[in-house]
Amino acid sequence: ARIASTLALVYTDDKSRIDDDLVDLIKRPALQPNAFEVFFQTTIGGRGGKRYVTVNTLSKFVEARKIPTLLLWGENDPWITKARADRTLQLMPSAEYIGLKAGHCPHDEVPGLFNEKLLGWLTAKSM
């Protein structure tokens, strides 16, 4: 019940996508033996005294190599907000941004629109 209620916080525009299969998809990796360590290292990034690749470092790396980048962003994401997208776009001025009326998981909340925008971008880039 706790996973479903947490998903309800981030699936802001289509809560019908929250079902037992999705809950299981989230729960299964959390039951792996080193799941806590992986989650902990992911959340602290490079702040734990060890050297890890941060989102900012990765963004600069991708931008420096002129790798085509598209941010398909859930505009209603309560966890990784539009401000974070704006910061990423500052680090990656060549990146393109498409906001979608969705929460944290636009690929699952609005898959048709997500795929349409992604395929349109890929086609425009001849990818």
Foldseek 3Di string as FASTA:
>chain_A
DVLLVVVCLFFPPASVLDDPVVSCVVVVLCPDPCNVVVVVCVVCACPPVDHHQDLLNVLLVCQVVVPAAEAEEQQAAPPCHVVNVVVSCVSRVNYHYDYDPGGDCCCRSPVVVVVVVVVVVCVVVVD
